[in-house]
Amino acid sequence: MIQQIRNIKKYNADELSNEAYHSHEYISGSSLVTIFFDCLAAWKFGDKSESAALHFGIASHAALLEPEKFEREFQCGINQNDVEIITSDAALKFWFKVRGVPIKSTASFSDMIYQMLQTGEYPTVLKLESMILESECKFAGKTIVKYDDYQTIMQMREVIFNDRDLQAALKDCRVEMSIICEVMIDDIWYGIKIRPDIVTGDRAVPDYKTTADMNPEKFGNTAHQNGYWLKMALQKDVLEAVYKKEFRPALLAQGKSKPYIPQWYWLTNEQLEVGRDQYQYALSQYKKSSDANVWPAYFNGFADLPTPAYLANRYEFEDNSMTIVEEE
């Protein structure tokens, strides 16, 4: 548990950008999840580029939690199903061929566009449209969201906005606030940062998660495997240390396919206890590696290949022989 807290800095969403928060040197819950469920080397030297799933999550968070920011910073991509389009140099050359317009085999894309304009016909050339859109968005500081993803995000947001129970629960809430501080655990000080998605007026702390499978049991497994127990235990403990009041963590999960079901799950005390043990262990490992500037992988030297527990239950090994356990 957190014994003491000091050097507390609190920011509203408009006072500290997401980029500034992530660039701060203190350790976050997401980083501790990587350290605990993967290894220190993976966190320190791993690829920090955004995956398609992460990109979708960032856009959907902004759409739900900060609609004005979403309109300002995100741009819907081109709808490729809207019109007949040309997507490549080869397709553009074929367009000339069916019209009997001679074109050099070595013609560049810009040369072909120029010659196309001379014909008086103006097909939608996706490659050109995409280049123009990317240029405009880069100039305006916007992020392009794929057309289909954009439409899905808008429909997901509408479902939650039309849910009376959720809207009542989220009334008068603060979104994307940040707390940067130092905490003492087991007589050791650590630099910590948290950025809860939502803190409601009655001190619920729901973290918004989009998921491909809304089945409660499967999402429960996903919540553990993705380190949500750890992350929410850390948020709870830091918030309570700062405000000296009780907070109740939750997960606001929503399916990414129709009918875009949203479900509110409270984290249990047992889950939070496990999450607390996890983040404290990850912090201790981080501190040791940081002090020594050594970032180990899973183990040193050589080791036997582990047998997962569910496979160990399927087989019995005796005297170098194997017996398959019959399933009832």
C-alpha atoms as a PDB file:
ATOM      1  CA  MET A   1       0.000   0.000   0.000  1.00  0.00           C
ATOM      2  CA  ILE A   2       0.982   3.629  -0.450  1.00  0.00           C
ATOM      3  CA  GLN A   3       2.503   4.859   2.825  1.00  0.00           C
ATOM      4  CA  GLN A   4       3.101   8.506   1.915  1.00  0.00           C
ATOM      5  CA  ILE A   5       2.635  10.808  -1.057  1.00  0.00           C
ATOM      6  CA  ARG A   6       4.402  14.038  -2.007  1.00  0.00           C
ATOM      7  CA  ASN A   7       5.013  16.526  -4.842  1.00  0.00           C
ATOM      8  CA  ILE A   8       1.455  16.111  -6.121  1.00  0.00           C
ATOM      9  CA  LYS A   9       0.587  17.846  -9.384  1.00  0.00           C
ATOM     10  CA  LYS A  10      -2.976  17.703 -10.742  1.00  0.00           C
ATOM     11  CA  TYR A  11      -3.993  18.699 -14.275  1.00  0.00           C
ATOM     12  CA  ASN A  12      -7.263  18.972 -16.154  1.00  0.00           C
ATOM     13  CA  ALA A  13      -7.392  17.595 -19.699  1.00  0.00           C
ATOM     14  CA  ASP A  14      -6.831  21.050 -21.216  1.00  0.00           C
ATOM     15  CA  GLU A  15      -3.872  21.748 -18.930  1.00  0.00           C
ATOM     16  CA  LEU A  16      -1.743  18.725 -19.875  1.00  0.00           C
ATOM     17  CA  SER A  17      -1.959  17.133 -23.307  1.00  0.00           C
ATOM     18  CA  ASN A  18      -1.910  13.389 -23.789  1.00  0.00           C
ATOM     19  CA  GLU A  19       1.473  13.728 -25.503  1.00  0.00           C
ATOM     20  CA  ALA A  20       2.928  15.746 -22.604  1.00  0.00           C
ATOM     21  CA  TYR A  21       1.609  13.213 -20.105  1.00  0.00           C
ATOM     22  CA  HIS A  22       3.167  10.255 -21.930  1.00  0.00           C
ATOM     23  CA  SER A  23       6.486  12.045 -22.351  1.00  0.00           C
ATOM     24  CA  HIS A  24       6.817  12.666 -18.588  1.00  0.00           C
ATOM     25  CA  GLU A  25       9.576  10.550 -17.054  1.00  0.00           C
ATOM     26  CA  TYR A  26       7.503   9.026 -14.224  1.00  0.00           C
ATOM     27  CA  ILE A  27       6.172   5.471 -14.624  1.00  0.00           C
ATOM     28  CA  SER A  28       2.533   4.821 -15.591  1.00  0.00           C
ATOM     29  CA  GLY A  29       0.149   1.951 -15.015  1.00  0.00           C
ATOM     30  CA  SER A  30       0.391   0.916 -18.669  1.00  0.00           C
ATOM     31  CA  SER A  31       4.180   0.670 -18.391  1.00  0.00           C
ATOM     32  CA  LEU A  32       3.896  -1.391 -15.213  1.00  0.00           C
ATOM     33  CA  VAL A  33       1.508  -3.741 -17.043  1.00  0.00           C
ATOM     34  CA  THR A  34       4.136  -4.334 -19.738  1.00  0.00           C
ATOM     35  CA  ILE A  35       6.831  -4.923 -17.119  1.00  0.00           C
ATOM     36  CA  PHE A  36       4.675  -7.364 -15.131  1.00  0.00           C
ATOM     37  CA  PHE A  37       3.120  -9.349 -17.983  1.00  0.00           C
ATOM     38  CA  ASP A  38       6.098  -9.209 -20.349  1.00  0.00           C
ATOM     39  CA  CYS A  39       9.551  -8.155 -19.183  1.00  0.00           C
ATOM     40  CA  LEU A  40      11.695  -5.105 -18.463  1.00  0.00           C
ATOM     41  CA  ALA A  41      13.559  -5.350 -21.758  1.00  0.00           C
ATOM     42  CA  ALA A  42      10.271  -5.388 -23.705  1.00  0.00           C
ATOM     43  CA  TRP A  43       9.164  -2.202 -21.945  1.00  0.00           C
ATOM     44  CA  LYS A  44      12.499  -0.389 -22.246  1.00  0.00           C
ATOM     45  CA  PHE A  45      13.392  -1.286 -25.816  1.00  0.00           C
ATOM     46  CA  GLY A  46      10.062  -2.375 -27.335  1.00  0.00           C
ATOM     47  CA  ASP A  47       8.443  -0.845 -30.384  1.00  0.00           C
ATOM     48  CA  LYS A  48       6.360   2.153 -29.298  1.00  0.00           C
ATOM     49  CA  SER A  49       4.548   2.531 -32.632  1.00  0.00           C
ATOM     50  CA  GLU A  50       0.741   2.483 -32.622  1.00  0.00           C
ATOM     51  CA  SER A  51      -1.063  -0.668 -33.706  1.00  0.00           C
ATOM     52  CA  ALA A  52      -4.385  -0.562 -35.566  1.00  0.00           C
ATOM     53  CA  ALA A  53      -6.178  -1.587 -32.355  1.00  0.00           C
ATOM     54  CA  LEU A  54      -4.429   1.132 -30.340  1.00  0.00           C
ATOM     55  CA  HIS A  55      -5.220   3.729 -33.008  1.00  0.00           C
ATOM     56  CA  PHE A  56      -8.896   2.714 -32.874  1.00  0.00           C
ATOM     57  CA  GLY A  57      -8.840   2.900 -29.071  1.00  0.00           C
ATOM     58  CA  ILE A  58      -7.321   6.385 -29.043  1.00  0.00           C
ATOM     59  CA  ALA A  59      -9.886   7.684 -31.535  1.00  0.00           C
ATOM     60  CA  SER A  60     -12.858   6.045 -29.770  1.00  0.00           C
ATOM     61  CA  HIS A  61     -11.720   7.429 -26.392  1.00  0.00           C
ATOM     62  CA  ALA A  62     -11.535  10.943 -27.808  1.00  0.00           C
ATOM     63  CA  ALA A  63     -14.939  10.586 -29.513  1.00  0.00           C
ATOM     64  CA  LEU A  64     -16.656   9.519 -26.287  1.00  0.00           C
ATOM     65  CA  LEU A  65     -14.757  11.472 -23.638  1.00  0.00           C
ATOM     66  CA  GLU A  66     -13.729  14.634 -25.493  1.00  0.00           C
ATOM     67  CA  PRO A  67     -16.083  15.182 -28.470  1.00  0.00           C
ATOM     68  CA  GLU A  68     -14.815  18.684 -29.190  1.00  0.00           C
ATOM     69  CA  LYS A  69     -11.233  17.456 -29.263  1.00  0.00           C
ATOM     70  CA  PHE A  70     -12.265  14.595 -31.542  1.00  0.00           C
ATOM     71  CA  GLU A  71     -13.839  16.994 -34.043  1.00  0.00           C
ATOM     72  CA  ARG A  72     -10.772  19.207 -33.863  1.00  0.00           C
ATOM     73  CA  GLU A  73      -8.026  16.565 -34.113  1.00  0.00           C
ATOM     74  CA  PHE A  74      -9.460  13.633 -36.082  1.00  0.00           C
ATOM     75  CA  GLN A  75     -10.523  13.405 -39.714  1.00  0.00           C
ATOM     76  CA  CYS A  76     -12.674  10.753 -41.386  1.00  0.00           C
ATOM     77  CA  GLY A  77     -10.863   8.950 -44.183  1.00  0.00           C
ATOM     78  CA  ILE A  78     -12.098   8.492 -47.731  1.00  0.00           C
ATOM     79  CA  ASN A  79     -15.043   6.177 -48.350  1.00  0.00           C
ATOM     80  CA  GLN A  80     -13.723   3.733 -50.922  1.00  0.00           C
ATOM     81  CA  ASN A  81     -17.194   2.239 -51.435  1.00  0.00           C
ATOM     82  CA  ASP A  82     -18.818   5.519 -52.382  1.00  0.00           C
ATOM     83  CA  VAL A  83     -17.680   5.769 -56.019  1.00  0.00           C
ATOM     84  CA  GLU A  84     -15.707   3.850 -58.584  1.00  0.00           C
ATOM     85  CA  ILE A  85     -12.109   4.574 -57.748  1.00  0.00           C
ATOM     86  CA  ILE A  86      -8.610   4.057 -59.040  1.00  0.00           C
ATOM     87  CA  THR A  87      -6.237   2.875 -56.366  1.00  0.00           C
ATOM     88  CA  SER A  88      -2.905   2.248 -58.094  1.00  0.00           C
ATOM     89  CA  ASP A  89      -0.635   3.213 -60.972  1.00  0.00           C
ATOM     90  CA  ALA A  90      -1.569  -0.017 -62.776  1.00  0.00           C
ATOM     91  CA  ALA A  91      -5.278   0.762 -62.474  1.00  0.00           C
ATOM     92  CA  LEU A  92      -4.690   4.255 -63.833  1.00  0.00           C
ATOM     93  CA  LYS A  93      -2.789   2.854 -66.823  1.00  0.00           C
ATOM     94  CA  PHE A  94      -5.690   0.457 -67.470  1.00  0.00           C
ATOM     95  CA  TRP A  95      -8.063   3.448 -67.367  1.00  0.00           C
ATOM     96  CA  PHE A  96      -6.096   4.976 -70.250  1.00  0.00           C
ATOM     97  CA  LYS A  97      -5.980   1.671 -72.126  1.00  0.00           C
ATOM     98  CA  VAL A  98      -9.761   1.100 -72.223  1.00  0.00           C
ATOM     99  CA  ARG A  99     -10.182   4.616 -73.602  1.00  0.00           C
ATOM    100  CA  GLY A 100      -7.557   4.128 -76.274  1.00  0.00           C
ATOM    101  CA  VAL A 101      -5.385   6.877 -74.828  1.00  0.00           C
ATOM    102  CA  PRO A 102      -1.672   6.113 -75.391  1.00  0.00           C
ATOM    103  CA  ILE A 103       0.484   6.328 -72.290  1.00  0.00           C
ATOM    104  CA  LYS A 104       4.179   5.599 -71.866  1.00  0.00           C
ATOM    105  CA  SER A 105       4.992   2.500 -69.837  1.00  0.00           C
ATOM    106  CA  THR A 106       7.540   4.584 -67.937  1.00  0.00           C
ATOM    107  CA  ALA A 107       5.101   7.425 -67.160  1.00  0.00           C
ATOM    108  CA  SER A 108       5.184   8.549 -63.542  1.00  0.00           C
ATOM    109  CA  PHE A 109       2.058   8.926 -61.430  1.00  0.00           C
ATOM    110  CA  SER A 110       2.159  12.732 -61.734  1.00  0.00           C
ATOM    111  CA  ASP A 111       2.608  12.455 -65.529  1.00  0.00           C
ATOM    112  CA  MET A 112      -0.466  10.239 -65.780  1.00  0.00           C
ATOM    113  CA  ILE A 113      -2.539  12.584 -63.624  1.00  0.00           C
ATOM    114  CA  TYR A 114      -1.581  15.495 -65.868  1.00  0.00           C
ATOM    115  CA  GLN A 115      -2.512  13.525 -69.007  1.00  0.00           C
ATOM    116  CA  MET A 116      -5.759  12.364 -67.425  1.00  0.00           C
ATOM    117  CA  LEU A 117      -6.779  15.989 -66.861  1.00  0.00           C
ATOM    118  CA  GLN A 118      -6.280  16.644 -70.563  1.00  0.00           C
ATOM    119  CA  THR A 119      -8.989  14.095 -71.399  1.00  0.00           C
ATOM    120  CA  GLY A 120     -11.717  16.079 -69.680  1.00  0.00           C
ATOM    121  CA  GLU A 121     -12.698  13.082 -67.530  1.00  0.00           C
ATOM    122  CA  TYR A 122     -12.090  13.165 -63.803  1.00  0.00           C
ATOM    123  CA  PRO A 123     -12.315   9.748 -62.133  1.00  0.00           C
ATOM    124  CA  THR A 124     -11.744   9.483 -58.408  1.00  0.00           C
ATOM    125  CA  VAL A 125      -8.095   8.566 -58.008  1.00  0.00           C
ATOM    126  CA  LEU A 126      -7.830   7.330 -54.442  1.00  0.00           C
ATOM    127  CA  LYS A 127      -4.065   7.551 -54.431  1.00  0.00           C
ATOM    128  CA  LEU A 128      -4.259  11.254 -55.291  1.00  0.00           C
ATOM    129  CA  GLU A 129      -7.181  11.929 -52.949  1.00  0.00           C
ATOM    130  CA  SER A 130      -5.337  10.194 -50.108  1.00  0.00           C
ATOM    131  CA  MET A 131      -2.186  12.208 -50.776  1.00  0.00           C
ATOM    132  CA  ILE A 132      -4.178  15.451 -50.697  1.00  0.00           C
ATOM    133  CA  LEU A 133      -6.035  14.452 -47.528  1.00  0.00           C
ATOM    134  CA  GLU A 134      -2.830  13.384 -45.776  1.00  0.00           C
ATOM    135  CA  SER A 135      -1.184  16.669 -46.736  1.00  0.00           C
ATOM    136  CA  GLU A 136      -4.131  18.699 -45.458  1.00  0.00           C
ATOM    137  CA  CYS A 137      -4.323  16.764 -42.199  1.00  0.00           C
ATOM    138  CA  LYS A 138      -0.585  17.020 -41.613  1.00  0.00           C
ATOM    139  CA  PHE A 139      -0.821  20.773 -42.073  1.00  0.00           C
ATOM    140  CA  ALA A 140      -3.817  21.015 -39.731  1.00  0.00           C
ATOM    141  CA  GLY A 141      -2.381  18.614 -37.133  1.00  0.00           C
ATOM    142  CA  LYS A 142      -5.192  16.086 -37.613  1.00  0.00           C
ATOM    143  CA  THR A 143      -5.156  12.283 -37.492  1.00  0.00           C
ATOM    144  CA  ILE A 144      -6.944  10.357 -40.243  1.00  0.00           C
ATOM    145  CA  VAL A 145      -9.320   7.630 -39.077  1.00  0.00           C
ATOM    146  CA  LYS A 146     -10.228   4.961 -41.622  1.00  0.00           C
ATOM    147  CA  TYR A 147     -13.706   5.539 -42.992  1.00  0.00           C
ATOM    148  CA  ASP A 148     -15.187   2.284 -41.666  1.00  0.00           C
ATOM    149  CA  ASP A 149     -13.573   2.787 -38.241  1.00  0.00           C
ATOM    150  CA  TYR A 150     -14.887   6.359 -38.117  1.00  0.00           C
ATOM    151  CA  GLN A 151     -18.447   5.225 -38.808  1.00  0.00           C
ATOM    152  CA  THR A 152     -18.172   2.472 -36.174  1.00  0.00           C
ATOM    153  CA  ILE A 153     -16.867   4.921 -33.565  1.00  0.00           C
ATOM    154  CA  MET A 154     -19.735   7.322 -34.246  1.00  0.00           C
ATOM    155  CA  GLN A 155     -22.304   4.534 -33.843  1.00  0.00           C
ATOM    156  CA  MET A 156     -20.629   3.303 -30.646  1.00  0.00           C
ATOM    157  CA  ARG A 157     -20.740   6.800 -29.196  1.00  0.00           C
ATOM    158  CA  GLU A 158     -24.407   7.172 -30.095  1.00  0.00           C
ATOM    159  CA  VAL A 159     -25.270   3.947 -28.253  1.00  0.00           C
ATOM    160  CA  ILE A 160     -23.669   5.196 -25.038  1.00  0.00           C
ATOM    161  CA  PHE A 161     -25.098   8.699 -25.394  1.00  0.00           C
ATOM    162  CA  ASN A 162     -28.575   7.159 -25.727  1.00  0.00           C
ATOM    163  CA  ASP A 163     -28.193   4.922 -22.662  1.00  0.00           C
ATOM    164  CA  ARG A 164     -29.991   6.753 -19.855  1.00  0.00           C
ATOM    165  CA  ASP A 165     -28.377   4.757 -17.050  1.00  0.00           C
ATOM    166  CA  LEU A 166     -24.869   5.417 -18.370  1.00  0.00           C
ATOM    167  CA  GLN A 167     -25.563   9.072 -18.967  1.00  0.00           C
ATOM    168  CA  ALA A 168     -26.834   9.424 -15.404  1.00  0.00           C
ATOM    169  CA  ALA A 169     -23.740   7.637 -14.078  1.00  0.00           C
ATOM    170  CA  LEU A 170     -21.413   9.846 -16.145  1.00  0.00           C
ATOM    171  CA  LYS A 171     -23.097  13.143 -15.286  1.00  0.00           C
ATOM    172  CA  ASP A 172     -20.790  15.864 -13.916  1.00  0.00           C
ATOM    173  CA  CYS A 173     -17.678  13.737 -14.483  1.00  0.00           C
ATOM    174  CA  ARG A 174     -14.091  14.789 -15.114  1.00  0.00           C
ATOM    175  CA  VAL A 175     -12.322  13.210 -18.082  1.00  0.00           C
ATOM    176  CA  GLU A 176      -8.641  12.685 -18.853  1.00  0.00           C
ATOM    177  CA  MET A 177      -7.388  14.384 -15.681  1.00  0.00           C
ATOM    178  CA  SER A 178      -3.753  13.681 -14.798  1.00  0.00           C
ATOM    179  CA  ILE A 179      -1.991  13.221 -11.478  1.00  0.00           C
ATOM    180  CA  ILE A 180       1.807  13.186 -11.324  1.00  0.00           C
ATOM    181  CA  CYS A 181       3.318  12.503  -7.905  1.00  0.00           C
ATOM    182  CA  GLU A 182       5.792  10.542  -5.810  1.00  0.00           C
ATOM    183  CA  VAL A 183       4.605   7.734  -3.556  1.00  0.00           C
ATOM    184  CA  MET A 184       6.302   5.706  -0.840  1.00  0.00           C
ATOM    185  CA  ILE A 185       5.762   1.939  -0.855  1.00  0.00           C
ATOM    186  CA  ASP A 186       7.756  -0.285   1.516  1.00  0.00           C
ATOM    187  CA  ASP A 187       9.869   2.757   2.469  1.00  0.00           C
ATOM    188  CA  ILE A 188      10.923   3.398  -1.149  1.00  0.00           C
ATOM    189  CA  TRP A 189       9.862   6.461  -3.156  1.00  0.00           C
ATOM    190  CA  TYR A 190       8.589   6.040  -6.737  1.00  0.00           C
ATOM    191  CA  GLY A 191       7.604   8.597  -9.369  1.00  0.00           C
ATOM    192  CA  ILE A 192       4.082   7.724 -10.539  1.00  0.00           C
ATOM    193  CA  LYS A 193       1.638   9.165 -13.076  1.00  0.00           C
ATOM    194  CA  ILE A 194      -2.005   8.274 -13.703  1.00  0.00           C
ATOM    195  CA  ARG A 195      -4.551   9.586 -16.213  1.00  0.00           C
ATOM    196  CA  PRO A 196      -8.017   8.178 -15.402  1.00  0.00           C
ATOM    197  CA  ASP A 197     -10.444   8.192 -18.327  1.00  0.00           C
ATOM    198  CA  ILE A 198     -13.343   9.282 -16.126  1.00  0.00           C
ATOM    199  CA  VAL A 199     -13.874  10.285 -12.497  1.00  0.00           C
ATOM    200  CA  THR A 200     -17.561  10.738 -11.675  1.00  0.00           C
ATOM    201  CA  GLY A 201     -19.122  13.024  -9.100  1.00  0.00           C
ATOM    202  CA  ASP A 202     -19.662  10.107  -6.726  1.00  0.00           C
ATOM    203  CA  ARG A 203     -16.020   8.986  -7.162  1.00  0.00           C
ATOM    204  CA  ALA A 204     -16.528   6.051  -9.520  1.00  0.00           C
ATOM    205  CA  VAL A 205     -13.530   5.582 -11.832  1.00  0.00           C
ATOM    206  CA  PRO A 206     -14.694   3.788 -14.997  1.00  0.00           C
ATOM    207  CA  ASP A 207     -12.009   3.028 -17.584  1.00  0.00           C
ATOM    208  CA  TYR A 208     -13.431   2.921 -21.125  1.00  0.00           C
ATOM    209  CA  LYS A 209     -12.447  -0.209 -23.046  1.00  0.00           C
ATOM    210  CA  THR A 210     -13.462  -1.308 -26.533  1.00  0.00           C
ATOM    211  CA  THR A 211     -13.433  -5.043 -27.144  1.00  0.00           C
ATOM    212  CA  ALA A 212     -14.032  -7.526 -29.938  1.00  0.00           C
ATOM    213  CA  ASP A 213     -15.842  -9.949 -27.609  1.00  0.00           C
ATOM    214  CA  MET A 214     -18.380  -8.703 -25.067  1.00  0.00           C
ATOM    215  CA  ASN A 215     -19.104 -12.137 -23.576  1.00  0.00           C
ATOM    216  CA  PRO A 216     -18.728 -11.448 -19.815  1.00  0.00           C
ATOM    217  CA  GLU A 217     -16.550 -14.480 -19.093  1.00  0.00           C
ATOM    218  CA  LYS A 218     -14.285 -13.844 -22.062  1.00  0.00           C
ATOM    219  CA  PHE A 219     -14.011 -10.133 -21.283  1.00  0.00           C
ATOM    220  CA  GLY A 220     -13.225 -11.048 -17.674  1.00  0.00           C
ATOM    221  CA  ASN A 221     -10.277 -13.068 -18.948  1.00  0.00           C
ATOM    222  CA  THR A 222      -9.263 -10.214 -21.265  1.00  0.00           C
ATOM    223  CA  ALA A 223      -9.353  -7.776 -18.337  1.00  0.00           C
ATOM    224  CA  HIS A 224      -6.881  -9.908 -16.407  1.00  0.00           C
ATOM    225  CA  GLN A 225      -4.592 -10.687 -19.345  1.00  0.00           C
ATOM    226  CA  ASN A 226      -4.438  -7.022 -20.388  1.00  0.00           C
ATOM    227  CA  GLY A 227      -3.515  -5.874 -16.895  1.00  0.00           C
ATOM    228  CA  TYR A 228      -6.696  -3.943 -16.124  1.00  0.00           C
ATOM    229  CA  TRP A 229      -6.649  -5.204 -12.516  1.00  0.00           C
ATOM    230  CA  LEU A 230      -3.170  -3.723 -12.046  1.00  0.00           C
ATOM    231  CA  LYS A 231      -3.965  -0.425 -13.760  1.00  0.00           C
ATOM    232  CA  MET A 232      -7.209   0.177 -11.852  1.00  0.00           C
ATOM    233  CA  ALA A 233      -5.686  -0.772  -8.484  1.00  0.00           C
ATOM    234  CA  LEU A 234      -2.957   1.828  -9.083  1.00  0.00           C
ATOM    235  CA  GLN A 235      -5.505   4.504 -10.032  1.00  0.00           C
ATOM    236  CA  LYS A 236      -7.600   3.774  -6.950  1.00  0.00           C
ATOM    237  CA  ASP A 237      -4.644   3.901  -4.568  1.00  0.00           C
ATOM    238  CA  VAL A 238      -3.195   7.121  -5.988  1.00  0.00           C
ATOM    239  CA  LEU A 239      -6.594   8.880  -6.060  1.00  0.00           C
ATOM    240  CA  GLU A 240      -7.309   7.877  -2.481  1.00  0.00           C
ATOM    241  CA  ALA A 241      -3.859   9.008  -1.337  1.00  0.00           C
ATOM    242  CA  VAL A 242      -4.366  12.390  -3.025  1.00  0.00           C
ATOM    243  CA  TYR A 243      -7.978  13.118  -2.029  1.00  0.00           C
ATOM    244  CA  LYS A 244      -8.242  11.108   1.235  1.00  0.00           C
ATOM    245  CA  LYS A 245     -11.578   9.681   0.076  1.00  0.00           C
ATOM    246  CA  GLU A 246     -12.667   6.292  -1.239  1.00  0.00           C
ATOM    247  CA  PHE A 247     -12.852   5.697  -5.020  1.00  0.00           C
ATOM    248  CA  ARG A 248     -14.432   2.734  -6.805  1.00  0.00           C
ATOM    249  CA  PRO A 249     -12.778   1.524 -10.040  1.00  0.00           C
ATOM    250  CA  ALA A 250     -14.812   0.076 -12.895  1.00  0.00           C
ATOM    251  CA  LEU A 251     -14.507  -0.927 -16.545  1.00  0.00           C
ATOM    252  CA  LEU A 252     -16.927   0.556 -19.066  1.00  0.00           C
ATOM    253  CA  ALA A 253     -16.589  -2.029 -21.832  1.00  0.00           C
ATOM    254  CA  GLN A 254     -18.168  -1.706 -25.264  1.00  0.00           C
ATOM    255  CA  GLY A 255     -18.285  -4.125 -28.178  1.00  0.00           C
ATOM    256  CA  LYS A 256     -16.776  -2.999 -31.491  1.00  0.00           C
ATOM    257  CA  SER A 257     -19.430  -4.770 -33.555  1.00  0.00           C
ATOM    258  CA  LYS A 258     -23.198  -4.296 -33.724  1.00  0.00           C
ATOM    259  CA  PRO A 259     -25.173  -3.743 -31.567  1.00  0.00           C
ATOM    260  CA  TYR A 260     -22.170  -2.113 -29.814  1.00  0.00           C
ATOM    261  CA  ILE A 261     -23.244  -3.341 -26.363  1.00  0.00           C
ATOM    262  CA  PRO A 262     -21.871  -1.302 -23.434  1.00  0.00           C
ATOM    263  CA  GLN A 263     -21.452  -2.935 -20.001  1.00  0.00           C
ATOM    264  CA  TRP A 264     -20.329  -1.420 -16.714  1.00  0.00           C
ATOM    265  CA  TYR A 265     -18.236  -3.798 -14.570  1.00  0.00           C
ATOM    266  CA  TRP A 266     -17.083  -2.998 -11.027  1.00  0.00           C
ATOM    267  CA  LEU A 267     -13.637  -4.293 -10.075  1.00  0.00           C
ATOM    268  CA  THR A 268     -13.937  -6.612  -7.069  1.00  0.00           C
ATOM    269  CA  ASN A 269     -11.848  -6.263  -3.925  1.00  0.00           C
ATOM    270  CA  GLU A 270     -10.122  -9.556  -4.759  1.00  0.00           C
ATOM    271  CA  GLN A 271      -9.193  -8.345  -8.240  1.00  0.00           C
ATOM    272  CA  LEU A 272      -7.875  -5.069  -6.851  1.00  0.00           C
ATOM    273  CA  GLU A 273      -5.783  -6.887  -4.224  1.00  0.00           C
ATOM    274  CA  VAL A 274      -4.162  -8.955  -6.973  1.00  0.00           C
ATOM    275  CA  GLY A 275      -3.673  -5.823  -9.085  1.00  0.00           C
ATOM    276  CA  ARG A 276      -2.048  -4.078  -6.122  1.00  0.00           C
ATOM    277  CA  ASP A 277       0.411  -6.948  -5.634  1.00  0.00           C
ATOM    278  CA  GLN A 278       1.145  -6.852  -9.361  1.00  0.00           C
ATOM    279  CA  TYR A 279       1.927  -3.135  -9.587  1.00  0.00           C
ATOM    280  CA  GLN A 280       4.040  -3.206  -6.409  1.00  0.00           C
ATOM    281  CA  TYR A 281       6.098  -6.101  -7.776  1.00  0.00           C
ATOM    282  CA  ALA A 282       6.506  -4.357 -11.143  1.00  0.00           C
ATOM    283  CA  LEU A 283       7.580  -1.148  -9.382  1.00  0.00           C
ATOM    284  CA  SER A 284      10.229  -2.994  -7.366  1.00  0.00           C
ATOM    285  CA  GLN A 285      11.614  -4.614 -10.516  1.00  0.00           C
ATOM    286  CA  TYR A 286      11.581  -1.287 -12.341  1.00  0.00           C
ATOM    287  CA  LYS A 287      13.460   0.389  -9.474  1.00  0.00           C
ATOM    288  CA  LYS A 288      16.180  -2.280  -9.427  1.00  0.00           C
ATOM    289  CA  SER A 289      16.687  -2.091 -13.175  1.00  0.00           C
ATOM    290  CA  SER A 290      16.574   1.693 -13.233  1.00  0.00           C
ATOM    291  CA  ASP A 291      19.182   1.996 -10.470  1.00  0.00           C
ATOM    292  CA  ALA A 292      21.503  -0.496 -12.189  1.00  0.00           C
ATOM    293  CA  ASN A 293      20.590   0.596 -15.743  1.00  0.00           C
ATOM    294  CA  VAL A 294      20.219  -3.077 -16.618  1.00  0.00           C
ATOM    295  CA  TRP A 295      17.025  -4.207 -18.359  1.00  0.00           C
ATOM    296  CA  PRO A 296      16.786  -8.013 -18.328  1.00  0.00           C
ATOM    297  CA  ALA A 297      14.550 -10.170 -20.503  1.00  0.00           C
ATOM    298  CA  TYR A 298      12.584 -13.153 -19.163  1.00  0.00           C
ATOM    299  CA  PHE A 299      15.552 -14.991 -17.659  1.00  0.00           C
ATOM    300  CA  ASN A 300      19.343 -15.232 -17.901  1.00  0.00           C
ATOM    301  CA  GLY A 301      21.173 -18.119 -19.522  1.00  0.00           C
ATOM    302  CA  PHE A 302      19.248 -21.243 -20.501  1.00  0.00           C
ATOM    303  CA  ALA A 303      16.035 -22.755 -19.142  1.00  0.00           C
ATOM    304  CA  ASP A 304      13.579 -25.592 -19.710  1.00  0.00           C
ATOM    305  CA  LEU A 305      10.587 -24.800 -21.898  1.00  0.00           C
ATOM    306  CA  PRO A 306       7.588 -24.170 -19.591  1.00  0.00           C
ATOM    307  CA  THR A 307       4.488 -26.349 -19.785  1.00  0.00           C
ATOM    308  CA  PRO A 308       1.312 -24.261 -19.413  1.00  0.00           C
ATOM    309  CA  ALA A 309      -0.901 -25.372 -16.531  1.00  0.00           C
ATOM    310  CA  TYR A 310      -3.785 -26.394 -18.779  1.00  0.00           C
ATOM    311  CA  LEU A 311      -1.456 -28.691 -20.726  1.00  0.00           C
ATOM    312  CA  ALA A 312       0.089 -30.087 -17.561  1.00  0.00           C
ATOM    313  CA  ASN A 313      -3.396 -31.160 -16.523  1.00  0.00           C
ATOM    314  CA  ARG A 314      -3.877 -32.936 -19.846  1.00  0.00           C
ATOM    315  CA  TYR A 315      -0.787 -35.144 -19.588  1.00  0.00           C
ATOM    316  CA  GLU A 316       0.884 -37.173 -16.867  1.00  0.00           C
ATOM    317  CA  PHE A 317       4.666 -37.639 -16.966  1.00  0.00           C
ATOM    318  CA  GLU A 318       6.240 -40.553 -15.072  1.00  0.00           C
ATOM    319  CA  ASP A 319       9.742 -41.989 -15.500  1.00  0.00           C
ATOM    320  CA  ASN A 320      10.223 -40.255 -18.840  1.00  0.00           C
ATOM    321  CA  SER A 321       6.991 -41.789 -20.176  1.00  0.00           C
ATOM    322  CA  MET A 322       3.783 -39.958 -21.004  1.00  0.00           C
ATOM    323  CA  THR A 323       0.172 -40.844 -20.337  1.00  0.00           C
ATOM    324  CA  ILE A 324      -2.716 -38.936 -21.942  1.00  0.00           C
ATOM    325  CA  VAL A 325      -5.429 -38.134 -19.415  1.00  0.00           C
ATOM    326  CA  GLU A 326      -8.835 -39.030 -20.772  1.00  0.00           C
ATOM    327  CA  GLU A 327     -11.315 -36.145 -20.655  1.00  0.00           C
ATOM    328  CA  GLU A 328     -14.667 -37.015 -19.130  1.00  0.00           C
END
